[in-house]
C-alpha atoms as a PDB file:
ATOM      1  CA  MET A   1     -14.204   6.571  -5.263  1.00  0.00           C
ATOM      2  CA  HIS A   2     -12.820   7.887  -2.002  1.00  0.00           C
ATOM      3  CA  ARG A   3      -9.510   7.083  -0.390  1.00  0.00           C
ATOM      4  CA  LEU A   4      -9.697   5.222   2.886  1.00  0.00           C
ATOM      5  CA  ASP A   5      -8.444   6.586   6.202  1.00  0.00           C
ATOM      6  CA  ASN A   6      -7.148   9.878   4.796  1.00  0.00           C
ATOM      7  CA  GLY A   7      -4.848   7.962   2.418  1.00  0.00           C
ATOM      8  CA  GLN A   8      -2.972   5.974   5.083  1.00  0.00           C
ATOM      9  CA  PRO A   9      -3.506   2.589   3.356  1.00  0.00           C
ATOM     10  CA  LEU A  10      -2.118   4.115   0.149  1.00  0.00           C
ATOM     11  CA  ARG A  11       0.944   5.465   1.937  1.00  0.00           C
ATOM     12  CA  ASP A  12       1.471   2.094   3.616  1.00  0.00           C
ATOM     13  CA  ALA A  13       1.158   0.199   0.309  1.00  0.00           C
ATOM     14  CA  LEU A  14       3.546   2.610  -1.402  1.00  0.00           C
ATOM     15  CA  ALA A  15       6.124   2.134   1.363  1.00  0.00           C
ATOM     16  CA  GLU A  16       5.613  -1.649   1.368  1.00  0.00           C
ATOM     17  CA  ALA A  17       6.246  -1.734  -2.382  1.00  0.00           C
ATOM     18  CA  GLY A  18       9.321   0.473  -1.960  1.00  0.00           C
ATOM     19  CA  LEU A  19       8.049   2.875  -4.629  1.00  0.00           C
ATOM     20  CA  SER A  20       8.161   6.616  -5.000  1.00  0.00           C
ATOM     21  CA  ILE A  21       5.193   8.558  -6.343  1.00  0.00           C
ATOM     22  CA  GLU A  22       7.027   8.867  -9.666  1.00  0.00           C
ATOM     23  CA  GLU A  23       7.636   5.116  -9.849  1.00  0.00           C
ATOM     24  CA  LEU A  24       4.011   4.361  -9.041  1.00  0.00           C
ATOM     25  CA  ALA A  25       2.874   6.763 -11.766  1.00  0.00           C
ATOM     26  CA  GLU A  26       5.134   4.948 -14.235  1.00  0.00           C
ATOM     27  CA  ARG A  27       3.720   1.572 -13.191  1.00  0.00           C
ATOM     28  CA  THR A  28       0.188   2.823 -13.824  1.00  0.00           C
ATOM     29  CA  ARG A  29       1.275   4.051 -17.258  1.00  0.00           C
ATOM     30  CA  LEU A  30       2.632   0.613 -18.107  1.00  0.00           C
ATOM     31  CA  ILE A  31      -0.770  -0.921 -17.331  1.00  0.00           C
ATOM     32  CA  ASP A  32      -2.878   1.053 -19.817  1.00  0.00           C
ATOM     33  CA  GLY A  33      -0.519   3.302 -21.755  1.00  0.00           C
ATOM     34  CA  TYR A  34      -1.823   6.473 -20.084  1.00  0.00           C
ATOM     35  CA  GLY A  35      -1.613   5.898 -16.348  1.00  0.00           C
ATOM     36  CA  VAL A  36      -2.248   8.257 -13.476  1.00  0.00           C
ATOM     37  CA  SER A  37      -0.253  11.463 -13.181  1.00  0.00           C
ATOM     38  CA  ARG A  38       2.288  12.033 -10.436  1.00  0.00           C
ATOM     39  CA  SER A  39       0.202  14.993  -9.347  1.00  0.00           C
ATOM     40  CA  ALA A  40      -2.961  12.909  -8.923  1.00  0.00           C
ATOM     41  CA  ILE A  41      -1.074  10.238  -6.975  1.00  0.00           C
ATOM     42  CA  GLY A  42       0.421  12.984  -4.824  1.00  0.00           C
ATOM     43  CA  HIS A  43      -3.104  14.181  -3.987  1.00  0.00           C
ATOM     44  CA  MET A  44      -4.094  10.595  -3.146  1.00  0.00           C
ATOM     45  CA  VAL A  45      -1.318  10.117  -0.596  1.00  0.00           C
ATOM     46  CA  ALA A  46      -1.031  13.663   0.756  1.00  0.00           C
ATOM     47  CA  THR A  47      -2.167  14.783   4.154  1.00  0.00           C
ATOM     48  CA  GLY A  48      -3.203  18.324   4.905  1.00  0.00           C
ATOM     49  CA  PRO A  49      -4.543  20.821   2.385  1.00  0.00           C
ATOM     50  CA  SER A  50      -3.029  19.189  -0.712  1.00  0.00           C
ATOM     51  CA  GLY A  51      -4.721  15.855   0.017  1.00  0.00           C
ATOM     52  CA  ARG A  52      -7.915  15.017  -1.837  1.00  0.00           C
ATOM     53  CA  SER A  53     -10.577  12.491  -0.986  1.00  0.00           C
ATOM     54  CA  LYS A  54     -12.440  11.753  -4.219  1.00  0.00           C
ATOM     55  CA  PHE A  55     -10.890  10.230  -7.353  1.00  0.00           C
ATOM     56  CA  ALA A  56     -12.031   8.743 -10.642  1.00  0.00           C
ATOM     57  CA  ASP A  57     -12.723   5.014 -10.629  1.00  0.00           C
ATOM     58  CA  ARG A  58     -10.152   4.498 -13.393  1.00  0.00           C
ATOM     59  CA  SER A  59      -7.394   6.165 -11.365  1.00  0.00           C
ATOM     60  CA  CYS A  60      -8.221   4.100  -8.286  1.00  0.00           C
ATOM     61  CA  ASP A  61      -8.256   0.888 -10.303  1.00  0.00           C
ATOM     62  CA  LEU A  62      -4.887   1.618 -11.899  1.00  0.00           C
ATOM     63  CA  VAL A  63      -3.226   2.563  -8.606  1.00  0.00           C
ATOM     64  CA  ALA A  64      -4.556  -0.555  -6.878  1.00  0.00           C
ATOM     65  CA  ARG A  65      -3.396  -2.765  -9.764  1.00  0.00           C
ATOM     66  CA  ALA A  66       0.044  -1.126  -9.829  1.00  0.00           C
ATOM     67  CA  LEU A  67       0.378  -1.736  -6.085  1.00  0.00           C
ATOM     68  CA  ASP A  68      -0.966  -5.295  -6.443  1.00  0.00           C
ATOM     69  CA  LYS A  69      -3.663  -4.589  -3.862  1.00  0.00           C
ATOM     70  CA  PRO A  70      -7.429  -5.083  -3.945  1.00  0.00           C
ATOM     71  CA  ARG A  71      -9.077  -1.736  -4.647  1.00  0.00           C
ATOM     72  CA  THR A  72     -11.214  -2.179  -1.515  1.00  0.00           C
ATOM     73  CA  GLU A  73      -8.078  -2.055   0.671  1.00  0.00           C
ATOM     74  CA  LEU A  74      -7.280   1.441  -0.589  1.00  0.00           C
ATOM     75  CA  PHE A  75     -10.565   3.028  -1.714  1.00  0.00           C
ATOM     76  CA  SER A  76     -14.271   2.995  -0.963  1.00  0.00           C
ATOM     77  CA  ASP A  77     -17.375   3.788  -3.010  1.00  0.00           C
ATOM     78  CA  ASN A  78     -18.716   5.714  -0.033  1.00  0.00           C
ATOM     79  CA  ALA A  79     -17.714   9.198   1.048  1.00  0.00           C
ATOM     80  CA  PRO A  80     -15.813   9.351   4.347  1.00  0.00           C
ATOM     81  CA  THR A  81     -17.934  10.172   7.354  1.00  0.00           C
END
């Protein structure tokens, strides 16, 4: 899966939820017992050289669930063009 719009929808959803990266990581952990690391979430929302585009389906699903958003609002199956 690839983040949409260079991660802007993720940053917007994080701000809307009033969560920090650490708090979002904890929410993902509460969903499945393992969660998504703070580092991975940081790469999802980062701009510039530390930002990444591609992520595991599981990580995308957990982040979307923790933010109470449809996965399609935050991620796409297709690589950015």
